[in-house]
Amino acid sequence: SGDPSSQHHIRVCHGLMSATVCPECISGAIDEGTPTGTCFEVGGVDCYFAKSATDGAPSVIIVADVFGYSLPNVRIVADKYAKKGLNVYVPDILKGDHIAFNKLDVLVDPSPSFFARMGQTFWLVFGLAGVLLWFGRHKDGVTRPIIDGVIDDIKARHQDARLGVIGYCWGGRHSVLLGATDRVDCYVAAHPSGLNLKTDIHVVGRPGLFVLAEDDGAFNKAAVARAKELIPSTVDTEWKTWSGVHHGFAVRGKQTDPEVAKKREEALEASAAFLLRRLAG
């Protein structure tokens, strides 16, 4: 019981990556609404595409969280970015192997029934265990070639166009990793999880924006402070933090909560403004 942010997190090592898994990594709310984009294959995987009405709009890739590209939330978010002047690709990096999202409300919407709450707790415990196994199936050596294939295809479609990436939670780490390469021109990392401060941060060389929750079990204040020290001072990096929300808020925060919805929208506005500024020209 109590604030889910007070729950313990689990630390697990898989491959060369040290990942922090907190209960909020597998919780949240499913957005209401109907995505308006289209689906087709990009780089050998299925992809959701939200097209901007603006001619010559820059392109961005969204690397989704553990719930994958089919979660309505990430598609609706892509539609919102498109309305702000971005062409948005949401590829199925996980190839259908996403965490089931039929129990996303475990923590944000606990059942009033004691027995139902016991069922939710059972799901949480075994859900976290399932996430750890899931990480083992989606190591960098599996995931990165898929992302690179998507980037290659998009760049072939948009010759000489600038490209940005947005990553949420698990995907946030991959956006930071891409920010250490010449594959993208800029990145947004929204409450990233699994960042290895020893290997992932100091090599970043592209402009970036970190969208952060003040209370985040997967990327806490100490980790943020250390990351700020490690990213080279010559690299233009912005840090924006929202209070009163938790890990996952920018994509899975409960829209029926007016305060959470407001901060989700602010985070999206800040991300879109950063991307449009960095991808202009």
C-alpha atoms as a PDB file:
ATOM      1  CA  SER A   1       0.000   0.000   0.000  1.00  0.00           C
ATOM      2  CA  GLY A   2       1.012   3.654  -0.159  1.00  0.00           C
ATOM      3  CA  ASP A   3       2.778   5.643  -2.804  1.00  0.00           C
ATOM      4  CA  PRO A   4       4.142   3.315  -5.492  1.00  0.00           C
ATOM      5  CA  SER A   5       7.298   5.396  -5.633  1.00  0.00           C
ATOM      6  CA  SER A   6       8.163   4.049  -2.200  1.00  0.00           C
ATOM      7  CA  GLN A   7       8.368   0.479  -3.518  1.00  0.00           C
ATOM      8  CA  HIS A   8      11.785  -1.156  -3.711  1.00  0.00           C
ATOM      9  CA  HIS A   9      13.456  -1.535  -7.064  1.00  0.00           C
ATOM     10  CA  ILE A  10      15.342  -4.559  -8.351  1.00  0.00           C
ATOM     11  CA  ARG A  11      18.790  -4.382  -9.847  1.00  0.00           C
ATOM     12  CA  VAL A  12      19.751  -7.001 -12.390  1.00  0.00           C
ATOM     13  CA  CYS A  13      22.698  -7.462 -14.728  1.00  0.00           C
ATOM     14  CA  HIS A  14      22.220  -8.912 -18.178  1.00  0.00           C
ATOM     15  CA  GLY A  15      25.023  -8.930 -20.694  1.00  0.00           C
ATOM     16  CA  LEU A  16      26.997  -5.724 -20.389  1.00  0.00           C
ATOM     17  CA  MET A  17      24.032  -3.745 -19.150  1.00  0.00           C
ATOM     18  CA  SER A  18      23.078  -3.066 -15.562  1.00  0.00           C
ATOM     19  CA  ALA A  19      19.335  -2.416 -15.424  1.00  0.00           C
ATOM     20  CA  THR A  20      17.218  -0.951 -12.686  1.00  0.00           C
ATOM     21  CA  VAL A  21      13.689  -2.303 -12.733  1.00  0.00           C
ATOM     22  CA  CYS A  22      11.104  -0.569 -10.564  1.00  0.00           C
ATOM     23  CA  PRO A  23       7.382  -1.334 -10.195  1.00  0.00           C
ATOM     24  CA  GLU A  24       6.579   1.751 -12.282  1.00  0.00           C
ATOM     25  CA  CYS A  25       8.437   0.151 -15.213  1.00  0.00           C
ATOM     26  CA  ILE A  26       5.441  -2.148 -15.672  1.00  0.00           C
ATOM     27  CA  SER A  27       2.608   0.066 -14.463  1.00  0.00           C
ATOM     28  CA  GLY A  28       0.611   2.986 -15.741  1.00  0.00           C
ATOM     29  CA  ALA A  29      -2.672   3.653 -17.504  1.00  0.00           C
ATOM     30  CA  ILE A  30      -3.838   2.951 -21.040  1.00  0.00           C
ATOM     31  CA  ASP A  31      -4.924   6.096 -22.863  1.00  0.00           C
ATOM     32  CA  GLU A  32      -8.378   6.439 -24.321  1.00  0.00           C
ATOM     33  CA  GLY A  33      -8.606   7.521 -27.922  1.00  0.00           C
ATOM     34  CA  THR A  34      -7.989   6.138 -31.385  1.00  0.00           C
ATOM     35  CA  PRO A  35      -4.621   6.535 -33.118  1.00  0.00           C
ATOM     36  CA  THR A  36      -4.929   8.070 -36.582  1.00  0.00           C
ATOM     37  CA  GLY A  37      -1.672   6.987 -38.235  1.00  0.00           C
ATOM     38  CA  THR A  38      -0.879   4.134 -40.578  1.00  0.00           C
ATOM     39  CA  CYS A  39       1.179   0.945 -40.326  1.00  0.00           C
ATOM     40  CA  PHE A  40       3.693  -0.419 -42.802  1.00  0.00           C
ATOM     41  CA  GLU A  41       7.084  -2.080 -42.786  1.00  0.00           C
ATOM     42  CA  VAL A  42      10.240  -0.062 -42.151  1.00  0.00           C
ATOM     43  CA  GLY A  43      13.663  -1.652 -41.928  1.00  0.00           C
ATOM     44  CA  GLY A  44      12.190  -5.143 -41.896  1.00  0.00           C
ATOM     45  CA  VAL A  45       9.819  -4.586 -38.956  1.00  0.00           C
ATOM     46  CA  ASP A  46       6.257  -3.346 -38.585  1.00  0.00           C
ATOM     47  CA  CYS A  47       6.008   0.369 -37.911  1.00  0.00           C
ATOM     48  CA  TYR A  48       3.357   2.881 -36.901  1.00  0.00           C
ATOM     49  CA  PHE A  49       3.691   6.163 -38.795  1.00  0.00           C
ATOM     50  CA  ALA A  50       2.161   9.523 -37.933  1.00  0.00           C
ATOM     51  CA  LYS A  51       2.567  11.993 -40.789  1.00  0.00           C
ATOM     52  CA  SER A  52       2.810  15.722 -40.317  1.00  0.00           C
ATOM     53  CA  ALA A  53       0.719  18.031 -42.486  1.00  0.00           C
ATOM     54  CA  THR A  54       3.795  20.259 -42.796  1.00  0.00           C
ATOM     55  CA  ASP A  55       5.722  19.926 -46.051  1.00  0.00           C
ATOM     56  CA  GLY A  56       9.317  18.870 -45.483  1.00  0.00           C
ATOM     57  CA  ALA A  57       8.717  18.048 -41.827  1.00  0.00           C
ATOM     58  CA  PRO A  58      11.725  16.475 -40.091  1.00  0.00           C
ATOM     59  CA  SER A  59      11.552  12.845 -39.048  1.00  0.00           C
ATOM     60  CA  VAL A  60      11.880  11.281 -35.614  1.00  0.00           C
ATOM     61  CA  ILE A  61      11.866   7.719 -34.363  1.00  0.00           C
ATOM     62  CA  ILE A  62      10.170   6.771 -31.125  1.00  0.00           C
ATOM     63  CA  VAL A  63      11.776   3.838 -29.321  1.00  0.00           C
ATOM     64  CA  ALA A  64       8.917   2.670 -27.133  1.00  0.00           C
ATOM     65  CA  ASP A  65       9.008   1.230 -23.628  1.00  0.00           C
ATOM     66  CA  VAL A  66       8.647  -2.437 -22.693  1.00  0.00           C
ATOM     67  CA  PHE A  67       4.990  -2.360 -23.786  1.00  0.00           C
ATOM     68  CA  GLY A  68       6.036  -1.887 -27.377  1.00  0.00           C
ATOM     69  CA  TYR A  69       4.770  -0.036 -30.394  1.00  0.00           C
ATOM     70  CA  SER A  70       1.206  -1.372 -30.211  1.00  0.00           C
ATOM     71  CA  LEU A  71       0.344   0.296 -26.895  1.00  0.00           C
ATOM     72  CA  PRO A  72      -2.259   2.978 -27.759  1.00  0.00           C
ATOM     73  CA  ASN A  73      -0.401   5.554 -25.649  1.00  0.00           C
ATOM     74  CA  VAL A  74       2.741   5.672 -27.747  1.00  0.00           C
ATOM     75  CA  ARG A  75       0.739   5.886 -30.965  1.00  0.00           C
ATOM     76  CA  ILE A  76      -1.414   8.712 -29.643  1.00  0.00           C
ATOM     77  CA  VAL A  77       1.763  10.486 -28.506  1.00  0.00           C
ATOM     78  CA  ALA A  78       3.158  10.043 -32.036  1.00  0.00           C
ATOM     79  CA  ASP A  79      -0.006  11.604 -33.459  1.00  0.00           C
ATOM     80  CA  LYS A  80       0.460  14.605 -31.175  1.00  0.00           C
ATOM     81  CA  TYR A  81       4.054  15.066 -32.303  1.00  0.00           C
ATOM     82  CA  ALA A  82       2.888  14.913 -35.914  1.00  0.00           C
ATOM     83  CA  LYS A  83       0.422  17.734 -35.267  1.00  0.00           C
ATOM     84  CA  LYS A  84       3.344  19.812 -34.030  1.00  0.00           C
ATOM     85  CA  GLY A  85       5.281  19.375 -37.275  1.00  0.00           C
ATOM     86  CA  LEU A  86       7.176  16.072 -37.086  1.00  0.00           C
ATOM     87  CA  ASN A  87       6.972  12.882 -39.122  1.00  0.00           C
ATOM     88  CA  VAL A  88       7.023  10.145 -36.512  1.00  0.00           C
ATOM     89  CA  TYR A  89       8.037   6.516 -36.912  1.00  0.00           C
ATOM     90  CA  VAL A  90       7.262   4.059 -34.103  1.00  0.00           C
ATOM     91  CA  PRO A  91       8.911   0.781 -35.129  1.00  0.00           C
ATOM     92  CA  ASP A  92       8.188  -2.585 -33.561  1.00  0.00           C
ATOM     93  CA  ILE A  93      11.697  -2.959 -32.174  1.00  0.00           C
ATOM     94  CA  LEU A  94      10.475  -5.856 -30.024  1.00  0.00           C
ATOM     95  CA  LYS A  95       8.971  -7.787 -32.958  1.00  0.00           C
ATOM     96  CA  GLY A  96       5.775  -8.414 -31.014  1.00  0.00           C
ATOM     97  CA  ASP A  97       7.507  -9.542 -27.823  1.00  0.00           C
ATOM     98  CA  HIS A  98       6.210  -6.759 -25.596  1.00  0.00           C
ATOM     99  CA  ILE A  99       5.185  -6.982 -21.957  1.00  0.00           C
ATOM    100  CA  ALA A 100       1.440  -7.645 -21.716  1.00  0.00           C
ATOM    101  CA  PHE A 101      -0.367  -4.413 -20.952  1.00  0.00           C
ATOM    102  CA  ASN A 102      -3.727  -5.726 -19.775  1.00  0.00           C
ATOM    103  CA  LYS A 103      -2.662  -5.116 -16.158  1.00  0.00           C
ATOM    104  CA  LEU A 104      -1.074  -1.684 -16.532  1.00  0.00           C
ATOM    105  CA  ASP A 105      -3.289  -0.246 -13.790  1.00  0.00           C
ATOM    106  CA  VAL A 106      -1.775  -2.445 -11.048  1.00  0.00           C
ATOM    107  CA  LEU A 107      -0.290   0.477  -9.134  1.00  0.00           C
ATOM    108  CA  VAL A 108      -2.018   3.591 -10.401  1.00  0.00           C
ATOM    109  CA  ASP A 109      -5.531   2.209 -10.018  1.00  0.00           C
ATOM    110  CA  PRO A 110      -5.594  -0.386  -7.199  1.00  0.00           C
ATOM    111  CA  SER A 111      -8.797  -2.306  -6.852  1.00  0.00           C
ATOM    112  CA  PRO A 112     -11.073  -1.508  -3.858  1.00  0.00           C
ATOM    113  CA  SER A 113     -11.573  -5.251  -3.394  1.00  0.00           C
ATOM    114  CA  PHE A 114      -9.116  -7.016  -1.069  1.00  0.00           C
ATOM    115  CA  PHE A 115      -9.078 -10.174  -3.190  1.00  0.00           C
ATOM    116  CA  ALA A 116      -8.664  -8.200  -6.403  1.00  0.00           C
ATOM    117  CA  ARG A 117      -5.766  -6.293  -4.820  1.00  0.00           C
ATOM    118  CA  MET A 118      -4.185  -9.615  -3.903  1.00  0.00           C
ATOM    119  CA  GLY A 119      -4.465 -10.597  -7.564  1.00  0.00           C
ATOM    120  CA  GLN A 120      -2.865  -7.332  -8.598  1.00  0.00           C
ATOM    121  CA  THR A 121      -0.022  -7.904  -6.147  1.00  0.00           C
ATOM    122  CA  PHE A 122       0.465 -11.409  -7.543  1.00  0.00           C
ATOM    123  CA  TRP A 123       0.672  -9.914 -11.035  1.00  0.00           C
ATOM    124  CA  LEU A 124       3.178  -7.302  -9.874  1.00  0.00           C
ATOM    125  CA  VAL A 125       5.539  -9.859  -8.324  1.00  0.00           C
ATOM    126  CA  PHE A 126       5.430 -12.257 -11.244  1.00  0.00           C
ATOM    127  CA  GLY A 127       5.277  -9.389 -13.720  1.00  0.00           C
ATOM    128  CA  LEU A 128       8.600  -8.067 -12.451  1.00  0.00           C
ATOM    129  CA  ALA A 129      10.087 -11.545 -12.749  1.00  0.00           C
ATOM    130  CA  GLY A 130       8.814 -11.705 -16.314  1.00  0.00           C
ATOM    131  CA  VAL A 131      10.415  -8.355 -17.078  1.00  0.00           C
ATOM    132  CA  LEU A 132      13.794  -9.669 -15.980  1.00  0.00           C
ATOM    133  CA  LEU A 133      13.459 -12.597 -18.384  1.00  0.00           C
ATOM    134  CA  TRP A 134      12.281 -10.188 -21.069  1.00  0.00           C
ATOM    135  CA  PHE A 135      15.448  -8.104 -20.660  1.00  0.00           C
ATOM    136  CA  GLY A 136      17.475 -11.210 -21.405  1.00  0.00           C
ATOM    137  CA  ARG A 137      15.713 -11.563 -24.751  1.00  0.00           C
ATOM    138  CA  HIS A 138      16.301  -7.939 -25.707  1.00  0.00           C
ATOM    139  CA  LYS A 139      19.963  -7.277 -25.076  1.00  0.00           C
ATOM    140  CA  ASP A 140      21.818  -4.618 -27.005  1.00  0.00           C
ATOM    141  CA  GLY A 141      23.165  -7.175 -29.461  1.00  0.00           C
ATOM    142  CA  VAL A 142      19.587  -8.066 -30.428  1.00  0.00           C
ATOM    143  CA  THR A 143      18.013  -4.630 -30.286  1.00  0.00           C
ATOM    144  CA  ARG A 144      20.630  -2.384 -31.855  1.00  0.00           C
ATOM    145  CA  PRO A 145      20.752  -4.080 -35.288  1.00  0.00           C
ATOM    146  CA  ILE A 146      16.961  -3.710 -35.509  1.00  0.00           C
ATOM    147  CA  ILE A 147      17.154  -0.002 -34.692  1.00  0.00           C
ATOM    148  CA  ASP A 148      19.995   0.479 -37.187  1.00  0.00           C
ATOM    149  CA  GLY A 149      17.941  -1.221 -39.896  1.00  0.00           C
ATOM    150  CA  VAL A 150      15.043   1.148 -39.233  1.00  0.00           C
ATOM    151  CA  ILE A 151      17.348   4.175 -39.369  1.00  0.00           C
ATOM    152  CA  ASP A 152      18.895   2.984 -42.636  1.00  0.00           C
ATOM    153  CA  ASP A 153      15.459   2.641 -44.215  1.00  0.00           C
ATOM    154  CA  ILE A 154      14.248   6.046 -43.007  1.00  0.00           C
ATOM    155  CA  LYS A 155      17.394   7.747 -44.263  1.00  0.00           C
ATOM    156  CA  ALA A 156      16.925   6.069 -47.634  1.00  0.00           C
ATOM    157  CA  ARG A 157      13.366   7.426 -47.757  1.00  0.00           C
ATOM    158  CA  HIS A 158      14.428  10.950 -46.759  1.00  0.00           C
ATOM    159  CA  GLN A 159      17.748  11.658 -48.408  1.00  0.00           C
ATOM    160  CA  ASP A 160      19.936  14.127 -46.518  1.00  0.00           C
ATOM    161  CA  ALA A 161      17.198  14.719 -43.952  1.00  0.00           C
ATOM    162  CA  ARG A 162      18.026  15.262 -40.321  1.00  0.00           C
ATOM    163  CA  LEU A 163      16.755  12.642 -37.890  1.00  0.00           C
ATOM    164  CA  GLY A 164      15.905  12.692 -34.193  1.00  0.00           C
ATOM    165  CA  VAL A 165      15.011   9.961 -31.735  1.00  0.00           C
ATOM    166  CA  ILE A 166      12.733   9.900 -28.706  1.00  0.00           C
ATOM    167  CA  GLY A 167      12.957   7.091 -26.192  1.00  0.00           C
ATOM    168  CA  TYR A 168      10.593   6.319 -23.335  1.00  0.00           C
ATOM    169  CA  CYS A 169      11.738   4.322 -20.277  1.00  0.00           C
ATOM    170  CA  TRP A 170      13.546   1.262 -21.708  1.00  0.00           C
ATOM    171  CA  GLY A 171      13.639   3.069 -25.033  1.00  0.00           C
ATOM    172  CA  GLY A 172      15.115   6.119 -23.306  1.00  0.00           C
ATOM    173  CA  ARG A 173      18.395   4.312 -22.811  1.00  0.00           C
ATOM    174  CA  HIS A 174      18.542   3.469 -26.497  1.00  0.00           C
ATOM    175  CA  SER A 175      17.971   7.101 -27.421  1.00  0.00           C
ATOM    176  CA  VAL A 176      20.943   8.043 -25.222  1.00  0.00           C
ATOM    177  CA  LEU A 177      23.071   5.334 -26.873  1.00  0.00           C
ATOM    178  CA  LEU A 178      22.141   6.709 -30.284  1.00  0.00           C
ATOM    179  CA  GLY A 179      23.164  10.138 -29.007  1.00  0.00           C
ATOM    180  CA  ALA A 180      26.690   8.755 -28.801  1.00  0.00           C
ATOM    181  CA  THR A 181      26.725   8.041 -32.555  1.00  0.00           C
ATOM    182  CA  ASP A 182      26.330   9.879 -35.854  1.00  0.00           C
ATOM    183  CA  ARG A 183      23.136   7.943 -36.594  1.00  0.00           C
ATOM    184  CA  VAL A 184      20.905  10.720 -35.278  1.00  0.00           C
ATOM    185  CA  ASP A 185      21.212  14.492 -34.977  1.00  0.00           C
ATOM    186  CA  CYS A 186      19.616  14.787 -31.539  1.00  0.00           C
ATOM    187  CA  TYR A 187      17.795  12.713 -28.957  1.00  0.00           C
ATOM    188  CA  VAL A 188      15.155  12.941 -26.232  1.00  0.00           C
ATOM    189  CA  ALA A 189      15.348  10.539 -23.292  1.00  0.00           C
ATOM    190  CA  ALA A 190      12.126  10.471 -21.289  1.00  0.00           C
ATOM    191  CA  HIS A 191      12.642   8.975 -17.815  1.00  0.00           C
ATOM    192  CA  PRO A 192      15.192   6.454 -19.139  1.00  0.00           C
ATOM    193  CA  SER A 193      15.694   3.153 -17.355  1.00  0.00           C
ATOM    194  CA  GLY A 194      18.657   0.802 -17.413  1.00  0.00           C
ATOM    195  CA  LEU A 195      21.296   3.448 -18.064  1.00  0.00           C
ATOM    196  CA  ASN A 196      24.773   2.234 -17.176  1.00  0.00           C
ATOM    197  CA  LEU A 197      26.562   5.289 -15.849  1.00  0.00           C
ATOM    198  CA  LYS A 198      29.938   3.637 -16.381  1.00  0.00           C
ATOM    199  CA  THR A 199      29.508   3.020 -20.097  1.00  0.00           C
ATOM    200  CA  ASP A 200      26.496   4.823 -21.579  1.00  0.00           C
ATOM    201  CA  ILE A 201      26.875   8.476 -20.630  1.00  0.00           C
ATOM    202  CA  HIS A 202      30.390   9.816 -21.073  1.00  0.00           C
ATOM    203  CA  VAL A 203      30.460   9.031 -24.808  1.00  0.00           C
ATOM    204  CA  VAL A 204      27.337  11.041 -25.681  1.00  0.00           C
ATOM    205  CA  GLY A 205      28.097  13.609 -28.364  1.00  0.00           C
ATOM    206  CA  ARG A 206      24.757  14.745 -29.788  1.00  0.00           C
ATOM    207  CA  PRO A 207      22.453  17.424 -28.372  1.00  0.00           C
ATOM    208  CA  GLY A 208      19.937  15.894 -26.013  1.00  0.00           C
ATOM    209  CA  LEU A 209      16.977  16.560 -23.775  1.00  0.00           C
ATOM    210  CA  PHE A 210      16.272  14.542 -20.641  1.00  0.00           C
ATOM    211  CA  VAL A 211      12.600  14.552 -19.593  1.00  0.00           C
ATOM    212  CA  LEU A 212      12.601  13.536 -15.956  1.00  0.00           C
ATOM    213  CA  ALA A 213      10.263  12.750 -13.078  1.00  0.00           C
ATOM    214  CA  GLU A 214      11.465  14.165  -9.779  1.00  0.00           C
ATOM    215  CA  ASP A 215      10.592  10.876  -8.064  1.00  0.00           C
ATOM    216  CA  ASP A 216      11.908   8.083 -10.288  1.00  0.00           C
ATOM    217  CA  GLY A 217      12.911   4.652  -9.032  1.00  0.00           C
ATOM    218  CA  ALA A 218      14.676   3.795 -12.290  1.00  0.00           C
ATOM    219  CA  PHE A 219      16.692   7.037 -12.685  1.00  0.00           C
ATOM    220  CA  ASN A 220      16.878   8.661  -9.280  1.00  0.00           C
ATOM    221  CA  LYS A 221      18.304  12.025  -8.265  1.00  0.00           C
ATOM    222  CA  ALA A 222      21.750  10.618  -7.505  1.00  0.00           C
ATOM    223  CA  ALA A 223      21.914   8.967 -10.932  1.00  0.00           C
ATOM    224  CA  VAL A 224      20.768  12.165 -12.628  1.00  0.00           C
ATOM    225  CA  ALA A 225      23.415  14.192 -10.788  1.00  0.00           C
ATOM    226  CA  ARG A 226      26.105  11.720 -11.801  1.00  0.00           C
ATOM    227  CA  ALA A 227      24.916  11.702 -15.408  1.00  0.00           C
ATOM    228  CA  LYS A 228      25.136  15.496 -15.525  1.00  0.00           C
ATOM    229  CA  GLU A 229      28.749  15.240 -14.414  1.00  0.00           C
ATOM    230  CA  LEU A 230      29.602  12.565 -16.991  1.00  0.00           C
ATOM    231  CA  ILE A 231      28.127  14.046 -20.156  1.00  0.00           C
ATOM    232  CA  PRO A 232      30.849  16.210 -21.739  1.00  0.00           C
ATOM    233  CA  SER A 233      30.318  19.898 -21.008  1.00  0.00           C
ATOM    234  CA  THR A 234      30.862  20.662 -24.694  1.00  0.00           C
ATOM    235  CA  VAL A 235      27.681  18.744 -25.592  1.00  0.00           C
ATOM    236  CA  ASP A 236      24.467  20.770 -25.488  1.00  0.00           C
ATOM    237  CA  THR A 237      22.277  18.835 -23.053  1.00  0.00           C
ATOM    238  CA  GLU A 238      19.043  20.045 -21.483  1.00  0.00           C
ATOM    239  CA  TRP A 239      17.445  18.657 -18.334  1.00  0.00           C
ATOM    240  CA  LYS A 240      13.781  19.248 -17.509  1.00  0.00           C
ATOM    241  CA  THR A 241      12.199  17.787 -14.380  1.00  0.00           C
ATOM    242  CA  TRP A 242       8.547  17.549 -13.346  1.00  0.00           C
ATOM    243  CA  SER A 243       7.502  17.137  -9.730  1.00  0.00           C
ATOM    244  CA  GLY A 244       4.526  15.159  -8.475  1.00  0.00           C
ATOM    245  CA  VAL A 245       4.868  12.455 -11.142  1.00  0.00           C
ATOM    246  CA  HIS A 246       6.750   9.179 -11.350  1.00  0.00           C
ATOM    247  CA  HIS A 247       8.722   7.074 -13.794  1.00  0.00           C
ATOM    248  CA  GLY A 248       6.745   6.560 -17.009  1.00  0.00           C
ATOM    249  CA  PHE A 249       4.586   9.668 -16.620  1.00  0.00           C
ATOM    250  CA  ALA A 250       5.303  11.115 -20.082  1.00  0.00           C
ATOM    251  CA  VAL A 251       3.772   8.130 -21.868  1.00  0.00           C
ATOM    252  CA  ARG A 252       1.806   6.107 -19.278  1.00  0.00           C
ATOM    253  CA  GLY A 253       0.683   8.774 -16.816  1.00  0.00           C
ATOM    254  CA  LYS A 254      -3.021   8.657 -16.030  1.00  0.00           C
ATOM    255  CA  GLN A 255      -4.789  11.127 -18.323  1.00  0.00           C
ATOM    256  CA  THR A 256      -7.862  11.209 -16.092  1.00  0.00           C
ATOM    257  CA  ASP A 257      -5.713  12.831 -13.391  1.00  0.00           C
ATOM    258  CA  PRO A 258      -5.704  16.545 -14.374  1.00  0.00           C
ATOM    259  CA  GLU A 259      -2.318  17.260 -12.804  1.00  0.00           C
ATOM    260  CA  VAL A 260      -0.626  14.262 -14.423  1.00  0.00           C
ATOM    261  CA  ALA A 261      -2.266  15.036 -17.768  1.00  0.00           C
ATOM    262  CA  LYS A 262      -1.025  18.633 -17.578  1.00  0.00           C
ATOM    263  CA  LYS A 263       2.551  17.533 -16.920  1.00  0.00           C
ATOM    264  CA  ARG A 264       2.406  14.927 -19.670  1.00  0.00           C
ATOM    265  CA  GLU A 265       1.386  17.642 -22.092  1.00  0.00           C
ATOM    266  CA  GLU A 266       4.138  19.957 -20.850  1.00  0.00           C
ATOM    267  CA  ALA A 267       6.706  17.202 -21.353  1.00  0.00           C
ATOM    268  CA  LEU A 268       5.467  16.580 -24.886  1.00  0.00           C
ATOM    269  CA  GLU A 269       5.533  20.310 -25.681  1.00  0.00           C
ATOM    270  CA  ALA A 270       9.093  20.611 -24.383  1.00  0.00           C
ATOM    271  CA  SER A 271      10.207  17.558 -26.363  1.00  0.00           C
ATOM    272  CA  ALA A 272       8.580  18.738 -29.592  1.00  0.00           C
ATOM    273  CA  ALA A 273      10.059  22.223 -29.254  1.00  0.00           C
ATOM    274  CA  PHE A 274      13.530  20.788 -28.666  1.00  0.00           C
ATOM    275  CA  LEU A 275      13.301  18.430 -31.650  1.00  0.00           C
ATOM    276  CA  LEU A 276      11.939  21.066 -34.035  1.00  0.00           C
ATOM    277  CA  ARG A 277      14.671  23.479 -33.011  1.00  0.00           C
ATOM    278  CA  ARG A 278      17.445  20.942 -33.369  1.00  0.00           C
ATOM    279  CA  LEU A 279      16.174  19.419 -36.618  1.00  0.00           C
ATOM    280  CA  ALA A 280      15.480  22.717 -38.368  1.00  0.00           C
ATOM    281  CA  GLY A 281      17.387  23.469 -41.551  1.00  0.00           C
END
